[in-house]
Amino acid sequence: QVQLEESGGGLVRPGGSLRLSCVASGRARSMDAMAWFRQAPGQEREFVASIRWIGGRTRYAGFASGRFTISRDNARNTVWLEMNSLRAEDTAVYYCAAGPYMRDAAHEYDFWGQGTQVTVSS
C-alpha cells in the first residue's frame, strides 16, 4: 500500500504561483510513476504532469507545459508541482497519484491522495 498526502493548495490571484507537495509513505517506491491530476467541478479528472522516481523523466499536459514544473526528492519521497502564471481555468482540486508506469490516464494509477483545492481568482 502507498499513502499519499497533498498540501499547498489555496487561493491565488491570476498570474500568481503556488507550489503543491505530495509526500508518499508506506511502500512508496514500489510505484515508479508519480503524477498530478486535477478535477474541476462538473469535469472529468485530467492529467497534469508525471515523473518517475528512477531517472526523473517528466511528462506534461499541453496546458501545463511551460507554466508548471514537476519535480521529486527521492530521499524524502516527495513530489512537487510548481505552478506559475496561474489562470482562472486552473481552478480545481489537484490530486497526487502513484502507479507503476508513466501514463496520462487516471485509471492507470493505483493510489491517490485526498486532493488539495487550488482556486485562482481576483
N, C-alpha and C. Protein backbone atom coordinates (compact mmCIF):
# COMPACT_ATOMS: atom_id res chain seq x y z
N GLN A 1 0.83 -1.19 0.00
CA GLN A 1 0.00 0.00 0.00
C GLN A 1 0.87 1.25 0.00
N VAL A 2 0.36 2.27 -0.64
CA VAL A 2 1.04 3.55 -0.69
C VAL A 2 0.07 4.61 -0.21
N GLN A 3 0.52 5.44 0.70
CA GLN A 3 -0.30 6.55 1.16
C GLN A 3 0.28 7.85 0.59
N LEU A 4 -0.60 8.71 0.14
CA LEU A 4 -0.19 9.97 -0.46
C LEU A 4 -0.90 11.12 0.24
N GLU A 5 -0.15 12.14 0.57
CA GLU A 5 -0.74 13.29 1.23
C GLU A 5 -0.30 14.57 0.52
N GLU A 6 -1.28 15.29 -0.02
CA GLU A 6 -1.00 16.55 -0.70
C GLU A 6 -1.14 17.74 0.24
N SER A 7 -0.45 18.80 -0.10
CA SER A 7 -0.60 20.06 0.61
C SER A 7 -0.17 21.19 -0.32
N GLY A 8 -0.47 22.42 0.10
CA GLY A 8 0.00 23.57 -0.65
C GLY A 8 -1.05 24.30 -1.47
N GLY A 9 -2.27 23.77 -1.52
CA GLY A 9 -3.31 24.46 -2.26
C GLY A 9 -3.74 25.73 -1.56
N GLY A 10 -4.58 26.52 -2.24
CA GLY A 10 -5.07 27.74 -1.65
C GLY A 10 -5.66 28.67 -2.69
N LEU A 11 -5.87 29.90 -2.27
CA LEU A 11 -6.42 30.93 -3.14
C LEU A 11 -5.28 31.82 -3.64
N VAL A 12 -5.25 32.02 -4.95
CA VAL A 12 -4.19 32.83 -5.54
C VAL A 12 -4.80 33.69 -6.65
N ARG A 13 -4.23 34.86 -6.86
CA ARG A 13 -4.72 35.74 -7.91
C ARG A 13 -4.22 35.29 -9.28
N PRO A 14 -4.93 35.61 -10.33
CA PRO A 14 -4.44 35.30 -11.68
C PRO A 14 -3.04 35.85 -11.89
N GLY A 15 -2.20 35.03 -12.49
CA GLY A 15 -0.80 35.40 -12.69
C GLY A 15 0.10 34.97 -11.56
N GLY A 16 -0.48 34.53 -10.45
CA GLY A 16 0.30 34.13 -9.30
C GLY A 16 0.84 32.72 -9.41
N SER A 17 1.48 32.28 -8.32
CA SER A 17 2.13 30.97 -8.28
C SER A 17 1.73 30.21 -7.03
N LEU A 18 1.78 28.90 -7.13
CA LEU A 18 1.59 28.00 -5.99
C LEU A 18 2.51 26.81 -6.17
N ARG A 19 2.89 26.22 -5.05
CA ARG A 19 3.69 25.00 -5.08
C ARG A 19 2.97 23.94 -4.27
N LEU A 20 2.58 22.88 -4.94
CA LEU A 20 1.92 21.76 -4.30
C LEU A 20 2.95 20.70 -3.92
N SER A 21 2.72 20.05 -2.79
CA SER A 21 3.59 18.97 -2.34
C SER A 21 2.80 17.69 -2.19
N CYS A 22 3.47 16.58 -2.42
CA CYS A 22 2.87 15.27 -2.22
C CYS A 22 3.92 14.39 -1.54
N VAL A 23 3.61 13.96 -0.32
CA VAL A 23 4.51 13.08 0.41
C VAL A 23 3.96 11.67 0.34
N ALA A 24 4.80 10.76 -0.11
CA ALA A 24 4.42 9.36 -0.23
C ALA A 24 4.98 8.56 0.94
N SER A 25 4.17 7.66 1.47
CA SER A 25 4.62 6.79 2.56
C SER A 25 4.13 5.38 2.30
N GLY A 26 4.47 4.48 3.23
CA GLY A 26 4.17 3.08 3.00
C GLY A 26 5.17 2.52 2.00
N ARG A 27 4.71 1.75 1.05
CA ARG A 27 5.60 1.19 0.03
C ARG A 27 5.71 2.18 -1.14
N ALA A 28 6.16 3.39 -0.77
CA ALA A 28 6.13 4.50 -1.72
C ALA A 28 6.89 4.20 -3.00
N ARG A 29 8.00 3.56 -2.86
CA ARG A 29 8.86 3.38 -4.03
C ARG A 29 8.52 2.13 -4.83
N SER A 30 7.46 1.43 -4.42
CA SER A 30 7.01 0.27 -5.20
C SER A 30 6.33 0.73 -6.49
N MET A 31 5.90 1.98 -6.52
CA MET A 31 5.30 2.56 -7.70
C MET A 31 6.30 3.54 -8.31
N ASP A 32 6.71 3.32 -9.54
CA ASP A 32 7.77 4.14 -10.11
C ASP A 32 7.26 5.49 -10.61
N ALA A 33 5.99 5.58 -10.96
CA ALA A 33 5.48 6.82 -11.55
C ALA A 33 4.63 7.59 -10.55
N MET A 34 4.89 8.88 -10.48
CA MET A 34 4.08 9.78 -9.68
C MET A 34 3.48 10.82 -10.61
N ALA A 35 2.26 11.21 -10.33
CA ALA A 35 1.59 12.15 -11.23
C ALA A 35 0.70 13.10 -10.46
N TRP A 36 0.41 14.19 -11.12
CA TRP A 36 -0.60 15.13 -10.65
C TRP A 36 -1.75 15.14 -11.65
N PHE A 37 -2.95 15.07 -11.12
CA PHE A 37 -4.17 15.22 -11.90
C PHE A 37 -4.97 16.36 -11.27
N ARG A 38 -5.96 16.83 -12.01
CA ARG A 38 -6.84 17.84 -11.43
C ARG A 38 -8.27 17.59 -11.90
N GLN A 39 -9.18 18.07 -11.09
CA GLN A 39 -10.59 17.91 -11.43
C GLN A 39 -11.36 19.15 -11.03
N ALA A 40 -11.95 19.80 -12.01
CA ALA A 40 -12.78 20.97 -11.78
C ALA A 40 -14.23 20.52 -11.62
N PRO A 41 -15.07 21.31 -11.00
CA PRO A 41 -16.47 20.92 -10.81
C PRO A 41 -17.14 20.61 -12.14
N GLY A 42 -17.80 19.46 -12.19
CA GLY A 42 -18.50 19.06 -13.39
C GLY A 42 -17.62 18.54 -14.51
N GLN A 43 -16.32 18.45 -14.25
CA GLN A 43 -15.39 17.99 -15.27
C GLN A 43 -14.78 16.65 -14.88
N GLU A 44 -14.23 15.97 -15.87
CA GLU A 44 -13.53 14.73 -15.57
C GLU A 44 -12.13 15.05 -15.04
N ARG A 45 -11.59 14.08 -14.33
CA ARG A 45 -10.24 14.24 -13.82
C ARG A 45 -9.27 14.23 -14.99
N GLU A 46 -8.36 15.22 -15.04
CA GLU A 46 -7.44 15.30 -16.17
C GLU A 46 -5.99 15.30 -15.72
N PHE A 47 -5.16 14.74 -16.57
CA PHE A 47 -3.72 14.63 -16.33
C PHE A 47 -3.07 16.00 -16.37
N VAL A 48 -2.14 16.23 -15.45
CA VAL A 48 -1.39 17.48 -15.42
C VAL A 48 0.08 17.22 -15.75
N ALA A 49 0.71 16.33 -14.97
CA ALA A 49 2.14 16.06 -15.16
C ALA A 49 2.49 14.77 -14.44
N SER A 50 3.59 14.15 -14.87
CA SER A 50 4.08 12.93 -14.20
C SER A 50 5.59 12.92 -14.18
N ILE A 51 6.11 12.10 -13.28
CA ILE A 51 7.56 11.97 -13.12
C ILE A 51 7.88 10.59 -12.61
N ARG A 52 9.04 10.08 -12.97
CA ARG A 52 9.49 8.78 -12.48
C ARG A 52 10.46 8.98 -11.33
N TRP A 53 10.32 8.11 -10.31
CA TRP A 53 11.30 8.14 -9.23
C TRP A 53 12.69 7.83 -9.77
N ILE A 54 12.75 6.82 -10.66
CA ILE A 54 14.03 6.40 -11.23
C ILE A 54 14.29 7.20 -12.50
N GLY A 55 15.33 7.98 -12.48
CA GLY A 55 15.71 8.74 -13.67
C GLY A 55 15.11 10.11 -13.77
N GLY A 56 13.93 10.32 -13.18
CA GLY A 56 13.33 11.64 -13.15
C GLY A 56 12.69 12.11 -14.44
N ARG A 57 12.43 11.20 -15.37
CA ARG A 57 11.80 11.63 -16.62
C ARG A 57 10.44 12.24 -16.32
N THR A 58 10.11 13.30 -17.06
CA THR A 58 8.86 14.02 -16.82
C THR A 58 8.00 14.06 -18.08
N ARG A 59 6.73 14.31 -17.85
CA ARG A 59 5.77 14.44 -18.95
C ARG A 59 4.72 15.44 -18.51
N TYR A 60 4.24 16.27 -19.45
CA TYR A 60 3.29 17.32 -19.11
C TYR A 60 2.11 17.32 -20.07
N ALA A 61 0.97 17.71 -19.55
CA ALA A 61 -0.16 18.02 -20.41
C ALA A 61 0.15 19.32 -21.14
N GLY A 62 -0.49 19.51 -22.28
CA GLY A 62 -0.22 20.70 -23.08
C GLY A 62 -0.41 22.00 -22.32
N PHE A 63 -1.48 22.08 -21.53
CA PHE A 63 -1.76 23.33 -20.82
C PHE A 63 -0.75 23.60 -19.71
N ALA A 64 -0.06 22.55 -19.27
CA ALA A 64 0.90 22.68 -18.17
C ALA A 64 2.31 22.99 -18.65
N SER A 65 2.61 22.58 -19.85
CA SER A 65 3.96 22.75 -20.37
C SER A 65 4.33 24.23 -20.44
N GLY A 66 5.47 24.57 -19.83
CA GLY A 66 5.93 25.95 -19.82
C GLY A 66 5.46 26.76 -18.63
N ARG A 67 4.41 26.30 -17.96
CA ARG A 67 3.92 27.02 -16.77
C ARG A 67 4.10 26.22 -15.49
N PHE A 68 3.98 24.90 -15.58
CA PHE A 68 4.07 24.03 -14.41
C PHE A 68 5.37 23.22 -14.49
N THR A 69 5.91 22.91 -13.32
CA THR A 69 7.10 22.07 -13.24
C THR A 69 6.90 21.02 -12.18
N ILE A 70 7.09 19.76 -12.55
CA ILE A 70 7.02 18.66 -11.60
C ILE A 70 8.45 18.26 -11.24
N SER A 71 8.68 17.99 -9.96
CA SER A 71 10.00 17.58 -9.51
C SER A 71 9.83 16.62 -8.34
N ARG A 72 10.94 15.94 -7.98
CA ARG A 72 10.84 15.00 -6.88
C ARG A 72 12.14 14.98 -6.09
N ASP A 73 12.00 14.52 -4.84
CA ASP A 73 13.15 14.28 -3.97
C ASP A 73 13.03 12.85 -3.50
N ASN A 74 13.84 11.97 -4.05
CA ASN A 74 13.73 10.55 -3.72
C ASN A 74 13.99 10.28 -2.24
N ALA A 75 14.93 10.99 -1.67
CA ALA A 75 15.28 10.75 -0.26
C ALA A 75 14.11 11.10 0.67
N ARG A 76 13.28 12.05 0.25
CA ARG A 76 12.15 12.48 1.08
C ARG A 76 10.82 11.93 0.59
N ASN A 77 10.87 11.09 -0.46
CA ASN A 77 9.63 10.53 -1.03
C ASN A 77 8.60 11.63 -1.28
N THR A 78 9.07 12.71 -1.84
CA THR A 78 8.22 13.88 -2.04
C THR A 78 8.25 14.31 -3.50
N VAL A 79 7.09 14.66 -4.00
CA VAL A 79 6.93 15.19 -5.35
C VAL A 79 6.27 16.57 -5.23
N TRP A 80 6.75 17.50 -6.04
CA TRP A 80 6.18 18.84 -6.03
C TRP A 80 5.61 19.18 -7.41
N LEU A 81 4.65 20.10 -7.39
CA LEU A 81 4.15 20.68 -8.63
C LEU A 81 4.21 22.20 -8.45
N GLU A 82 5.15 22.82 -9.13
CA GLU A 82 5.29 24.27 -9.11
C GLU A 82 4.43 24.82 -10.24
N MET A 83 3.50 25.70 -9.88
CA MET A 83 2.57 26.25 -10.86
C MET A 83 2.74 27.76 -10.93
N ASN A 84 3.03 28.24 -12.11
CA ASN A 84 3.23 29.68 -12.34
C ASN A 84 2.22 30.19 -13.36
N SER A 85 2.10 31.51 -13.41
CA SER A 85 1.19 32.16 -14.36
C SER A 85 -0.20 31.54 -14.30
N LEU A 86 -0.70 31.38 -13.11
CA LEU A 86 -1.97 30.69 -12.92
C LEU A 86 -3.13 31.50 -13.51
N ARG A 87 -4.10 30.75 -14.02
CA ARG A 87 -5.28 31.33 -14.66
C ARG A 87 -6.52 30.83 -13.94
N ALA A 88 -7.62 31.52 -14.17
CA ALA A 88 -8.87 31.11 -13.54
C ALA A 88 -9.23 29.68 -13.90
N GLU A 89 -8.91 29.27 -15.11
CA GLU A 89 -9.25 27.92 -15.56
C GLU A 89 -8.38 26.84 -14.93
N ASP A 90 -7.38 27.24 -14.17
CA ASP A 90 -6.59 26.25 -13.42
C ASP A 90 -7.26 25.89 -12.10
N THR A 91 -8.34 26.56 -11.77
CA THR A 91 -9.07 26.26 -10.55
C THR A 91 -9.60 24.83 -10.57
N ALA A 92 -9.24 24.06 -9.56
CA ALA A 92 -9.62 22.64 -9.50
C ALA A 92 -9.10 22.05 -8.19
N VAL A 93 -9.55 20.84 -7.92
CA VAL A 93 -8.90 20.04 -6.88
C VAL A 93 -7.75 19.29 -7.55
N TYR A 94 -6.58 19.40 -6.98
CA TYR A 94 -5.40 18.75 -7.53
C TYR A 94 -5.08 17.51 -6.71
N TYR A 95 -4.88 16.39 -7.42
CA TYR A 95 -4.63 15.11 -6.79
C TYR A 95 -3.25 14.59 -7.16
N CYS A 96 -2.61 13.98 -6.19
CA CYS A 96 -1.37 13.26 -6.40
C CYS A 96 -1.72 11.78 -6.59
N ALA A 97 -1.01 11.12 -7.48
CA ALA A 97 -1.28 9.72 -7.77
C ALA A 97 0.02 8.95 -7.95
N ALA A 98 -0.03 7.65 -7.66
CA ALA A 98 1.12 6.78 -7.82
C ALA A 98 0.71 5.55 -8.62
N GLY A 99 1.58 5.15 -9.54
CA GLY A 99 1.30 3.99 -10.36
C GLY A 99 2.58 3.37 -10.87
N PRO A 100 2.48 2.19 -11.48
CA PRO A 100 3.68 1.51 -11.93
C PRO A 100 4.32 2.09 -13.20
N TYR A 101 3.52 2.80 -13.99
CA TYR A 101 4.02 3.31 -15.26
C TYR A 101 3.62 4.77 -15.46
N MET A 102 4.39 5.48 -16.25
CA MET A 102 4.03 6.86 -16.60
C MET A 102 2.94 6.82 -17.66
N ARG A 103 1.74 7.15 -17.25
CA ARG A 103 0.61 7.17 -18.16
C ARG A 103 -0.15 8.46 -17.94
N ASP A 104 -1.01 8.80 -18.92
CA ASP A 104 -1.81 10.01 -18.80
C ASP A 104 -3.22 9.73 -18.30
N ALA A 105 -3.60 8.48 -18.23
CA ALA A 105 -4.97 8.14 -17.86
C ALA A 105 -5.07 7.86 -16.37
N ALA A 106 -6.10 8.42 -15.76
CA ALA A 106 -6.26 8.28 -14.31
C ALA A 106 -6.39 6.82 -13.89
N HIS A 107 -7.03 6.00 -14.71
CA HIS A 107 -7.25 4.61 -14.30
C HIS A 107 -5.97 3.80 -14.27
N GLU A 108 -4.88 4.36 -14.80
CA GLU A 108 -3.60 3.66 -14.78
C GLU A 108 -2.88 3.79 -13.43
N TYR A 109 -3.41 4.64 -12.57
CA TYR A 109 -2.76 4.90 -11.28
C TYR A 109 -3.52 4.20 -10.17
N ASP A 110 -2.75 3.58 -9.26
CA ASP A 110 -3.33 2.71 -8.25
C ASP A 110 -3.64 3.40 -6.93
N PHE A 111 -2.91 4.46 -6.63
CA PHE A 111 -3.06 5.10 -5.32
C PHE A 111 -3.24 6.60 -5.53
N TRP A 112 -4.09 7.16 -4.67
CA TRP A 112 -4.45 8.57 -4.79
C TRP A 112 -4.44 9.25 -3.43
N GLY A 113 -4.09 10.53 -3.46
CA GLY A 113 -4.24 11.35 -2.27
C GLY A 113 -5.65 11.89 -2.18
N GLN A 114 -5.89 12.66 -1.13
CA GLN A 114 -7.24 13.18 -0.89
C GLN A 114 -7.53 14.45 -1.69
N GLY A 115 -6.51 15.05 -2.26
CA GLY A 115 -6.68 16.25 -3.07
C GLY A 115 -6.48 17.53 -2.29
N THR A 116 -6.08 18.56 -3.00
CA THR A 116 -5.92 19.88 -2.40
C THR A 116 -6.53 20.91 -3.36
N GLN A 117 -7.32 21.81 -2.81
CA GLN A 117 -8.06 22.78 -3.63
C GLN A 117 -7.14 23.92 -4.05
N VAL A 118 -7.17 24.22 -5.34
CA VAL A 118 -6.49 25.40 -5.87
C VAL A 118 -7.56 26.30 -6.49
N THR A 119 -7.63 27.52 -6.03
CA THR A 119 -8.60 28.48 -6.56
C THR A 119 -7.84 29.70 -7.06
N VAL A 120 -8.06 30.02 -8.33
CA VAL A 120 -7.42 31.18 -8.93
C VAL A 120 -8.50 32.22 -9.21
N SER A 121 -8.44 33.29 -8.47
CA SER A 121 -9.49 34.30 -8.56
C SER A 121 -8.97 35.64 -8.07
N SER A 122 -9.49 36.70 -8.67
CA SER A 122 -9.12 38.04 -8.21
C SER A 122 -10.11 38.53 -7.15
